């Protein structure tokens, strides 16, 4: 009798979860460093005509913009932290939503830290990396502390909340400036990708990873050499898609895309996903 009651309770919980999760709500995780975080200026055109079906799950409390951690909001920039700027995620979402059915929604879970190496998202080695960077980059430590000192853990925490509302469909990555020339980068990205899927109970290699190139050499990119390493990512992750940065306008520092470049980059992320989905 007790076994029947337990089985019935478990079935009730399962059915309840199935009914609360909206399969028409497509969710994407966004990770990386400054370009993904948002380094480009938010202009007036970026704050208007945002479809209410485009949502962001706030990853921390932001009283200045009236947002609370763990709550969904219409995806008006900033999408990363309270005071970040324009991200590729902005125009990725707006562009992709245009190709989706009217009854579908799109959500973003966004955790990124400017100036950080990919190691900051390693669930095992992140602390050693942060400790070794404390003197050199105290500002980066402050950014990580905004996520409770562990950006990866905050990403998973928010992603699990997001899974209660919708279905995770992919990961957007823009990172590499701080790992330029590091040939272990693809293997590190693969480990993080595998860890994310495992921690979210997603099947191995079940969702795409969209990885954007760094500012191209033709636009004065100081880290453009790393694009050759990014190009090898599909050899490590079968569902990895590299998003070209060719011709995208950039800031004078040779590291960051400007606002126009970021808008176009976001569109390219969406277009790359749409092409991937046709396969």
C-alpha atoms as a PDB file:
ATOM      1  CA  UNK A   1       0.000   0.000   0.000  1.00  0.00           C
ATOM      2  CA  UNK A   2       2.811   2.409   0.924  1.00  0.00           C
ATOM      3  CA  UNK A   3       4.565   1.666  -2.393  1.00  0.00           C
ATOM      4  CA  UNK A   4       1.390   2.503  -4.326  1.00  0.00           C
ATOM      5  CA  UNK A   5       1.040   5.804  -2.465  1.00  0.00           C
ATOM      6  CA  UNK A   6       4.681   6.706  -3.156  1.00  0.00           C
ATOM      7  CA  UNK A   7       4.334   5.799  -6.830  1.00  0.00           C
ATOM      8  CA  UNK A   8       1.168   7.859  -7.123  1.00  0.00           C
ATOM      9  CA  UNK A   9       2.876  10.835  -5.464  1.00  0.00           C
ATOM     10  CA  UNK A  10       5.887  10.538  -7.789  1.00  0.00           C
ATOM     11  CA  UNK A  11       3.561  10.392 -10.803  1.00  0.00           C
ATOM     12  CA  UNK A  12       1.734  13.466  -9.529  1.00  0.00           C
ATOM     13  CA  UNK A  13       4.991  15.392  -9.269  1.00  0.00           C
ATOM     14  CA  UNK A  14       6.058  14.268 -12.743  1.00  0.00           C
ATOM     15  CA  UNK A  15       2.753  15.289 -14.308  1.00  0.00           C
ATOM     16  CA  UNK A  16       2.841  18.610 -12.458  1.00  0.00           C
ATOM     17  CA  UNK A  17       6.298  19.352 -13.821  1.00  0.00           C
ATOM     18  CA  UNK A  18       5.258  18.371 -17.340  1.00  0.00           C
ATOM     19  CA  UNK A  19       2.299  20.752 -17.224  1.00  0.00           C
ATOM     20  CA  UNK A  20       4.282  23.732 -15.867  1.00  0.00           C
ATOM     21  CA  UNK A  21       7.091  23.434 -18.420  1.00  0.00           C
ATOM     22  CA  UNK A  22       6.065  25.174 -21.633  1.00  0.00           C
ATOM     23  CA  UNK A  23       7.690  23.455 -24.625  1.00  0.00           C
ATOM     24  CA  UNK A  24       6.907  26.523 -26.697  1.00  0.00           C
ATOM     25  CA  UNK A  25       9.234  28.586 -24.502  1.00  0.00           C
ATOM     26  CA  UNK A  26      12.726  28.194 -25.999  1.00  0.00           C
ATOM     27  CA  UNK A  27      15.605  29.124 -23.706  1.00  0.00           C
ATOM     28  CA  UNK A  28      19.252  29.861 -24.519  1.00  0.00           C
ATOM     29  CA  UNK A  29      22.187  30.134 -22.125  1.00  0.00           C
ATOM     30  CA  UNK A  30      24.698  32.935 -22.808  1.00  0.00           C
ATOM     31  CA  UNK A  31      28.232  32.813 -21.406  1.00  0.00           C
ATOM     32  CA  UNK A  32      31.596  34.444 -22.064  1.00  0.00           C
ATOM     33  CA  UNK A  33      33.590  37.562 -21.346  1.00  0.00           C
ATOM     34  CA  UNK A  34      33.215  41.249 -22.239  1.00  0.00           C
ATOM     35  CA  UNK A  35      31.736  41.097 -25.736  1.00  0.00           C
ATOM     36  CA  UNK A  36      29.065  38.642 -24.590  1.00  0.00           C
ATOM     37  CA  UNK A  37      28.555  40.567 -21.356  1.00  0.00           C
ATOM     38  CA  UNK A  38      27.971  43.751 -23.330  1.00  0.00           C
ATOM     39  CA  UNK A  39      30.724  46.264 -24.038  1.00  0.00           C
ATOM     40  CA  UNK A  40      28.981  48.271 -26.768  1.00  0.00           C
ATOM     41  CA  UNK A  41      26.908  51.348 -26.023  1.00  0.00           C
ATOM     42  CA  UNK A  42      23.148  50.889 -25.676  1.00  0.00           C
ATOM     43  CA  UNK A  43      21.506  53.375 -28.033  1.00  0.00           C
ATOM     44  CA  UNK A  44      17.909  54.577 -28.270  1.00  0.00           C
ATOM     45  CA  UNK A  45      17.065  52.114 -31.058  1.00  0.00           C
ATOM     46  CA  UNK A  46      18.022  49.224 -28.765  1.00  0.00           C
ATOM     47  CA  UNK A  47      15.421  50.082 -26.132  1.00  0.00           C
ATOM     48  CA  UNK A  48      12.269  50.183 -28.264  1.00  0.00           C
ATOM     49  CA  UNK A  49      10.031  47.772 -30.199  1.00  0.00           C
ATOM     50  CA  UNK A  50      11.029  44.760 -28.075  1.00  0.00           C
ATOM     51  CA  UNK A  51       8.584  41.902 -28.431  1.00  0.00           C
ATOM     52  CA  UNK A  52       7.163  40.924 -25.022  1.00  0.00           C
ATOM     53  CA  UNK A  53       7.715  37.267 -26.020  1.00  0.00           C
ATOM     54  CA  UNK A  54      11.472  37.902 -25.710  1.00  0.00           C
ATOM     55  CA  UNK A  55      12.425  37.384 -22.049  1.00  0.00           C
ATOM     56  CA  UNK A  56      15.506  37.513 -19.843  1.00  0.00           C
ATOM     57  CA  UNK A  57      15.838  35.691 -16.519  1.00  0.00           C
ATOM     58  CA  UNK A  58      17.595  38.107 -14.184  1.00  0.00           C
ATOM     59  CA  UNK A  59      20.664  36.457 -12.643  1.00  0.00           C
ATOM     60  CA  UNK A  60      21.061  38.916  -9.750  1.00  0.00           C
ATOM     61  CA  UNK A  61      19.133  41.628  -7.962  1.00  0.00           C
ATOM     62  CA  UNK A  62      19.096  44.938  -9.856  1.00  0.00           C
ATOM     63  CA  UNK A  63      17.042  47.503  -7.912  1.00  0.00           C
ATOM     64  CA  UNK A  64      18.162  50.348 -10.218  1.00  0.00           C
ATOM     65  CA  UNK A  65      16.340  48.770 -13.140  1.00  0.00           C
ATOM     66  CA  UNK A  66      13.618  47.226 -10.964  1.00  0.00           C
ATOM     67  CA  UNK A  67      14.590  43.574 -11.491  1.00  0.00           C
ATOM     68  CA  UNK A  68      14.934  40.708  -9.034  1.00  0.00           C
ATOM     69  CA  UNK A  69      17.093  37.603  -9.249  1.00  0.00           C
ATOM     70  CA  UNK A  70      15.281  34.570 -10.627  1.00  0.00           C
ATOM     71  CA  UNK A  71      12.431  36.521 -12.260  1.00  0.00           C
ATOM     72  CA  UNK A  72      11.552  36.834 -15.962  1.00  0.00           C
ATOM     73  CA  UNK A  73      11.406  40.245 -17.648  1.00  0.00           C
ATOM     74  CA  UNK A  74      10.949  41.571 -21.171  1.00  0.00           C
ATOM     75  CA  UNK A  75      14.480  41.513 -22.626  1.00  0.00           C
ATOM     76  CA  UNK A  76      15.281  45.213 -22.676  1.00  0.00           C
ATOM     77  CA  UNK A  77      19.044  45.786 -22.378  1.00  0.00           C
ATOM     78  CA  UNK A  78      21.103  45.370 -20.293  1.00  0.00           C
ATOM     79  CA  UNK A  79      20.623  41.591 -20.406  1.00  0.00           C
ATOM     80  CA  UNK A  80      23.676  40.507 -18.392  1.00  0.00           C
ATOM     81  CA  UNK A  81      24.154  42.430 -15.148  1.00  0.00           C
ATOM     82  CA  UNK A  82      22.563  45.614 -13.865  1.00  0.00           C
ATOM     83  CA  UNK A  83      24.981  48.033 -15.547  1.00  0.00           C
ATOM     84  CA  UNK A  84      26.348  46.113 -18.550  1.00  0.00           C
ATOM     85  CA  UNK A  85      25.783  47.224 -22.130  1.00  0.00           C
ATOM     86  CA  UNK A  86      24.675  45.807 -25.488  1.00  0.00           C
ATOM     87  CA  UNK A  87      25.214  42.062 -25.973  1.00  0.00           C
ATOM     88  CA  UNK A  88      24.956  39.806 -29.043  1.00  0.00           C
ATOM     89  CA  UNK A  89      22.156  38.104 -27.101  1.00  0.00           C
ATOM     90  CA  UNK A  90      19.991  41.193 -27.657  1.00  0.00           C
ATOM     91  CA  UNK A  91      19.759  40.892 -31.416  1.00  0.00           C
ATOM     92  CA  UNK A  92      20.084  37.131 -31.401  1.00  0.00           C
ATOM     93  CA  UNK A  93      16.784  36.967 -29.558  1.00  0.00           C
ATOM     94  CA  UNK A  94      15.035  39.643 -31.600  1.00  0.00           C
ATOM     95  CA  UNK A  95      16.111  38.066 -34.899  1.00  0.00           C
ATOM     96  CA  UNK A  96      15.345  34.472 -33.954  1.00  0.00           C
ATOM     97  CA  UNK A  97      11.945  35.382 -32.554  1.00  0.00           C
ATOM     98  CA  UNK A  98      10.886  36.687 -35.978  1.00  0.00           C
ATOM     99  CA  UNK A  99      11.279  33.173 -37.384  1.00  0.00           C
ATOM    100  CA  UNK A 100       9.317  31.548 -34.552  1.00  0.00           C
ATOM    101  CA  UNK A 101       5.596  30.930 -34.346  1.00  0.00           C
ATOM    102  CA  UNK A 102       3.444  33.544 -32.627  1.00  0.00           C
ATOM    103  CA  UNK A 103       2.606  31.175 -29.766  1.00  0.00           C
ATOM    104  CA  UNK A 104       6.303  30.565 -29.046  1.00  0.00           C
ATOM    105  CA  UNK A 105       8.513  32.582 -26.694  1.00  0.00           C
ATOM    106  CA  UNK A 106      12.270  32.981 -26.353  1.00  0.00           C
ATOM    107  CA  UNK A 107      14.194  33.351 -23.103  1.00  0.00           C
ATOM    108  CA  UNK A 108      17.787  34.226 -22.251  1.00  0.00           C
ATOM    109  CA  UNK A 109      19.808  33.128 -19.206  1.00  0.00           C
ATOM    110  CA  UNK A 110      22.885  35.373 -19.246  1.00  0.00           C
ATOM    111  CA  UNK A 111      26.052  35.021 -17.136  1.00  0.00           C
ATOM    112  CA  UNK A 112      29.296  36.598 -18.366  1.00  0.00           C
ATOM    113  CA  UNK A 113      32.393  38.191 -16.834  1.00  0.00           C
ATOM    114  CA  UNK A 114      34.566  40.732 -18.640  1.00  0.00           C
ATOM    115  CA  UNK A 115      38.290  40.017 -18.852  1.00  0.00           C
ATOM    116  CA  UNK A 116      37.941  36.415 -17.733  1.00  0.00           C
ATOM    117  CA  UNK A 117      39.550  33.305 -19.117  1.00  0.00           C
ATOM    118  CA  UNK A 118      37.372  30.328 -19.985  1.00  0.00           C
ATOM    119  CA  UNK A 119      38.583  28.791 -16.709  1.00  0.00           C
ATOM    120  CA  UNK A 120      36.100  30.960 -14.801  1.00  0.00           C
ATOM    121  CA  UNK A 121      33.348  28.604 -15.995  1.00  0.00           C
ATOM    122  CA  UNK A 122      35.208  25.446 -14.987  1.00  0.00           C
ATOM    123  CA  UNK A 123      33.198  24.036 -12.085  1.00  0.00           C
ATOM    124  CA  UNK A 124      36.329  22.510 -10.532  1.00  0.00           C
ATOM    125  CA  UNK A 125      39.123  24.988 -11.282  1.00  0.00           C
ATOM    126  CA  UNK A 126      37.253  28.323 -11.170  1.00  0.00           C
ATOM    127  CA  UNK A 127      38.352  29.122  -7.591  1.00  0.00           C
ATOM    128  CA  UNK A 128      42.046  28.587  -8.302  1.00  0.00           C
ATOM    129  CA  UNK A 129      41.719  30.815 -11.370  1.00  0.00           C
ATOM    130  CA  UNK A 130      39.971  33.591  -9.450  1.00  0.00           C
ATOM    131  CA  UNK A 131      42.432  33.397  -6.565  1.00  0.00           C
ATOM    132  CA  UNK A 132      45.374  33.665  -8.954  1.00  0.00           C
ATOM    133  CA  UNK A 133      43.773  36.673 -10.691  1.00  0.00           C
ATOM    134  CA  UNK A 134      42.832  38.661  -7.580  1.00  0.00           C
ATOM    135  CA  UNK A 135      45.814  41.030  -7.591  1.00  0.00           C
ATOM    136  CA  UNK A 136      45.911  41.532 -11.359  1.00  0.00           C
ATOM    137  CA  UNK A 137      42.178  41.949 -11.952  1.00  0.00           C
ATOM    138  CA  UNK A 138      40.329  43.020  -8.786  1.00  0.00           C
ATOM    139  CA  UNK A 139      37.515  44.423 -10.940  1.00  0.00           C
ATOM    140  CA  UNK A 140      36.970  40.971 -12.449  1.00  0.00           C
ATOM    141  CA  UNK A 141      36.770  39.484  -8.969  1.00  0.00           C
ATOM    142  CA  UNK A 142      34.051  42.015  -8.122  1.00  0.00           C
ATOM    143  CA  UNK A 143      32.101  40.919 -11.188  1.00  0.00           C
ATOM    144  CA  UNK A 144      32.437  37.266 -10.190  1.00  0.00           C
ATOM    145  CA  UNK A 145      31.362  38.161  -6.651  1.00  0.00           C
ATOM    146  CA  UNK A 146      28.150  39.603  -8.088  1.00  0.00           C
ATOM    147  CA  UNK A 147      27.388  35.980  -9.019  1.00  0.00           C
ATOM    148  CA  UNK A 148      28.122  34.750  -5.515  1.00  0.00           C
ATOM    149  CA  UNK A 149      31.780  34.171  -6.376  1.00  0.00           C
ATOM    150  CA  UNK A 150      30.978  31.303  -8.739  1.00  0.00           C
ATOM    151  CA  UNK A 151      29.623  32.281 -12.195  1.00  0.00           C
ATOM    152  CA  UNK A 152      29.198  28.649 -13.288  1.00  0.00           C
ATOM    153  CA  UNK A 153      27.138  27.780 -10.232  1.00  0.00           C
ATOM    154  CA  UNK A 154      24.951  30.863 -10.779  1.00  0.00           C
ATOM    155  CA  UNK A 155      24.466  29.850 -14.430  1.00  0.00           C
ATOM    156  CA  UNK A 156      23.277  26.390 -13.423  1.00  0.00           C
ATOM    157  CA  UNK A 157      21.076  27.811 -10.658  1.00  0.00           C
ATOM    158  CA  UNK A 158      19.358  30.152 -13.111  1.00  0.00           C
ATOM    159  CA  UNK A 159      19.150  27.506 -15.838  1.00  0.00           C
ATOM    160  CA  UNK A 160      17.342  25.158 -13.458  1.00  0.00           C
ATOM    161  CA  UNK A 161      14.848  27.909 -12.667  1.00  0.00           C
ATOM    162  CA  UNK A 162      14.435  28.493 -16.395  1.00  0.00           C
ATOM    163  CA  UNK A 163      13.769  24.790 -16.972  1.00  0.00           C
ATOM    164  CA  UNK A 164      10.676  25.088 -14.801  1.00  0.00           C
ATOM    165  CA  UNK A 165       9.228  27.475 -17.389  1.00  0.00           C
ATOM    166  CA  UNK A 166      10.621  26.258 -20.696  1.00  0.00           C
ATOM    167  CA  UNK A 167      13.085  24.094 -22.607  1.00  0.00           C
ATOM    168  CA  UNK A 168      16.786  24.834 -23.024  1.00  0.00           C
ATOM    169  CA  UNK A 169      17.571  24.797 -26.723  1.00  0.00           C
ATOM    170  CA  UNK A 170      21.184  25.948 -26.973  1.00  0.00           C
ATOM    171  CA  UNK A 171      24.210  27.810 -25.637  1.00  0.00           C
ATOM    172  CA  UNK A 172      25.745  31.028 -26.952  1.00  0.00           C
ATOM    173  CA  UNK A 173      29.441  31.573 -26.239  1.00  0.00           C
ATOM    174  CA  UNK A 174      31.694  34.533 -26.917  1.00  0.00           C
ATOM    175  CA  UNK A 175      35.029  34.163 -25.209  1.00  0.00           C
ATOM    176  CA  UNK A 176      38.680  33.815 -26.132  1.00  0.00           C
ATOM    177  CA  UNK A 177      40.394  37.184 -25.921  1.00  0.00           C
ATOM    178  CA  UNK A 178      41.866  36.228 -22.546  1.00  0.00           C
ATOM    179  CA  UNK A 179      42.855  32.773 -23.845  1.00  0.00           C
ATOM    180  CA  UNK A 180      44.364  33.900 -27.143  1.00  0.00           C
ATOM    181  CA  UNK A 181      46.723  31.265 -28.501  1.00  0.00           C
ATOM    182  CA  UNK A 182      45.755  28.659 -25.909  1.00  0.00           C
ATOM    183  CA  UNK A 183      45.419  25.419 -27.848  1.00  0.00           C
ATOM    184  CA  UNK A 184      43.719  23.742 -24.875  1.00  0.00           C
ATOM    185  CA  UNK A 185      40.798  26.156 -25.240  1.00  0.00           C
ATOM    186  CA  UNK A 186      38.555  23.804 -27.299  1.00  0.00           C
ATOM    187  CA  UNK A 187      39.043  21.005 -24.765  1.00  0.00           C
ATOM    188  CA  UNK A 188      38.205  23.381 -21.917  1.00  0.00           C
ATOM    189  CA  UNK A 189      35.068  24.560 -23.715  1.00  0.00           C
ATOM    190  CA  UNK A 190      34.045  20.945 -24.307  1.00  0.00           C
ATOM    191  CA  UNK A 191      34.400  20.161 -20.595  1.00  0.00           C
ATOM    192  CA  UNK A 192      32.216  23.127 -19.676  1.00  0.00           C
ATOM    193  CA  UNK A 193      29.660  22.202 -22.335  1.00  0.00           C
ATOM    194  CA  UNK A 194      29.538  18.604 -21.083  1.00  0.00           C
ATOM    195  CA  UNK A 195      29.267  19.748 -17.459  1.00  0.00           C
ATOM    196  CA  UNK A 196      26.374  22.107 -18.247  1.00  0.00           C
ATOM    197  CA  UNK A 197      24.404  19.384 -19.993  1.00  0.00           C
ATOM    198  CA  UNK A 198      25.084  16.870 -17.217  1.00  0.00           C
ATOM    199  CA  UNK A 199      24.147  19.301 -14.438  1.00  0.00           C
ATOM    200  CA  UNK A 200      20.902  20.182 -16.225  1.00  0.00           C
ATOM    201  CA  UNK A 201      20.027  16.546 -16.935  1.00  0.00           C
ATOM    202  CA  UNK A 202      20.256  17.074 -20.685  1.00  0.00           C
ATOM    203  CA  UNK A 203      21.451  14.301 -22.979  1.00  0.00           C
ATOM    204  CA  UNK A 204      25.063  14.434 -24.157  1.00  0.00           C
ATOM    205  CA  UNK A 205      25.585  16.511 -27.310  1.00  0.00           C
ATOM    206  CA  UNK A 206      21.854  17.245 -27.421  1.00  0.00           C
ATOM    207  CA  UNK A 207      21.916  21.021 -27.984  1.00  0.00           C
ATOM    208  CA  UNK A 208      24.005  23.327 -30.187  1.00  0.00           C
ATOM    209  CA  UNK A 209      26.840  25.506 -28.938  1.00  0.00           C
ATOM    210  CA  UNK A 210      27.187  28.706 -30.966  1.00  0.00           C
ATOM    211  CA  UNK A 211      30.683  30.171 -30.638  1.00  0.00           C
ATOM    212  CA  UNK A 212      31.421  33.621 -32.050  1.00  0.00           C
ATOM    213  CA  UNK A 213      34.758  34.615 -33.503  1.00  0.00           C
ATOM    214  CA  UNK A 214      36.808  37.481 -32.050  1.00  0.00           C
ATOM    215  CA  UNK A 215      37.322  40.818 -33.822  1.00  0.00           C
ATOM    216  CA  UNK A 216      38.818  39.976 -37.223  1.00  0.00           C
ATOM    217  CA  UNK A 217      42.310  40.994 -38.283  1.00  0.00           C
ATOM    218  CA  UNK A 218      40.885  43.179 -41.070  1.00  0.00           C
ATOM    219  CA  UNK A 219      39.113  45.250 -38.401  1.00  0.00           C
ATOM    220  CA  UNK A 220      42.281  45.555 -36.332  1.00  0.00           C
ATOM    221  CA  UNK A 221      41.520  42.666 -34.014  1.00  0.00           C
ATOM    222  CA  UNK A 222      44.330  42.240 -31.482  1.00  0.00           C
ATOM    223  CA  UNK A 223      43.283  38.664 -30.703  1.00  0.00           C
ATOM    224  CA  UNK A 224      42.241  37.628 -34.211  1.00  0.00           C
ATOM    225  CA  UNK A 225      44.788  34.806 -34.235  1.00  0.00           C
ATOM    226  CA  UNK A 226      42.555  32.926 -31.793  1.00  0.00           C
ATOM    227  CA  UNK A 227      39.893  32.577 -34.483  1.00  0.00           C
ATOM    228  CA  UNK A 228      41.918  29.726 -35.966  1.00  0.00           C
ATOM    229  CA  UNK A 229      41.571  27.887 -32.645  1.00  0.00           C
ATOM    230  CA  UNK A 230      37.854  28.663 -32.399  1.00  0.00           C
ATOM    231  CA  UNK A 231      37.488  27.163 -35.889  1.00  0.00           C
ATOM    232  CA  UNK A 232      38.544  23.763 -34.508  1.00  0.00           C
ATOM    233  CA  UNK A 233      35.769  23.661 -31.898  1.00  0.00           C
ATOM    234  CA  UNK A 234      33.436  21.449 -34.007  1.00  0.00           C
ATOM    235  CA  UNK A 235      36.139  18.772 -33.886  1.00  0.00           C
ATOM    236  CA  UNK A 236      35.610  18.577 -30.113  1.00  0.00           C
ATOM    237  CA  UNK A 237      31.874  19.275 -29.931  1.00  0.00           C
ATOM    238  CA  UNK A 238      29.792  17.751 -32.757  1.00  0.00           C
ATOM    239  CA  UNK A 239      27.030  20.330 -32.317  1.00  0.00           C
ATOM    240  CA  UNK A 240      29.332  23.354 -32.188  1.00  0.00           C
ATOM    241  CA  UNK A 241      28.712  26.101 -34.755  1.00  0.00           C
ATOM    242  CA  UNK A 242      31.257  28.869 -35.346  1.00  0.00           C
ATOM    243  CA  UNK A 243      29.749  32.309 -36.018  1.00  0.00           C
ATOM    244  CA  UNK A 244      31.835  34.517 -38.297  1.00  0.00           C
ATOM    245  CA  UNK A 245      32.958  37.998 -37.229  1.00  0.00           C
ATOM    246  CA  UNK A 246      34.228  38.877 -40.702  1.00  0.00           C
ATOM    247  CA  UNK A 247      33.550  42.517 -41.542  1.00  0.00           C
ATOM    248  CA  UNK A 248      31.930  43.405 -38.212  1.00  0.00           C
ATOM    249  CA  UNK A 249      32.801  46.920 -37.091  1.00  0.00           C
ATOM    250  CA  UNK A 250      34.823  47.263 -33.911  1.00  0.00           C
ATOM    251  CA  UNK A 251      35.973  49.761 -31.317  1.00  0.00           C
ATOM    252  CA  UNK A 252      39.386  51.391 -31.571  1.00  0.00           C
ATOM    253  CA  UNK A 253      40.800  49.069 -28.889  1.00  0.00           C
ATOM    254  CA  UNK A 254      40.776  46.140 -31.317  1.00  0.00           C
ATOM    255  CA  UNK A 255      39.092  43.937 -28.716  1.00  0.00           C
ATOM    256  CA  UNK A 256      35.440  44.913 -28.657  1.00  0.00           C
ATOM    257  CA  UNK A 257      32.766  45.237 -31.298  1.00  0.00           C
ATOM    258  CA  UNK A 258      30.952  48.557 -31.497  1.00  0.00           C
ATOM    259  CA  UNK A 259      27.170  48.856 -31.261  1.00  0.00           C
ATOM    260  CA  UNK A 260      26.569  48.321 -34.983  1.00  0.00           C
ATOM    261  CA  UNK A 261      28.920  45.343 -34.968  1.00  0.00           C
ATOM    262  CA  UNK A 262      27.201  43.779 -31.962  1.00  0.00           C
ATOM    263  CA  UNK A 263      23.760  44.163 -33.543  1.00  0.00           C
ATOM    264  CA  UNK A 264      24.918  42.412 -36.698  1.00  0.00           C
ATOM    265  CA  UNK A 265      26.761  39.780 -34.678  1.00  0.00           C
ATOM    266  CA  UNK A 266      23.588  38.940 -32.768  1.00  0.00           C
ATOM    267  CA  UNK A 267      21.752  38.530 -36.063  1.00  0.00           C
ATOM    268  CA  UNK A 268      24.518  36.217 -37.289  1.00  0.00           C
ATOM    269  CA  UNK A 269      24.184  34.055 -34.178  1.00  0.00           C
ATOM    270  CA  UNK A 270      20.468  33.683 -34.947  1.00  0.00           C
ATOM    271  CA  UNK A 271      21.066  32.986 -38.625  1.00  0.00           C
ATOM    272  CA  UNK A 272      23.719  30.390 -37.761  1.00  0.00           C
ATOM    273  CA  UNK A 273      21.261  28.650 -35.451  1.00  0.00           C
ATOM    274  CA  UNK A 274      18.558  28.676 -38.108  1.00  0.00           C
ATOM    275  CA  UNK A 275      20.948  27.110 -40.627  1.00  0.00           C
ATOM    276  CA  UNK A 276      21.984  24.510 -38.066  1.00  0.00           C
ATOM    277  CA  UNK A 277      18.334  23.673 -37.374  1.00  0.00           C
ATOM    278  CA  UNK A 278      17.729  22.922 -41.063  1.00  0.00           C
ATOM    279  CA  UNK A 279      20.277  20.098 -41.054  1.00  0.00           C
END
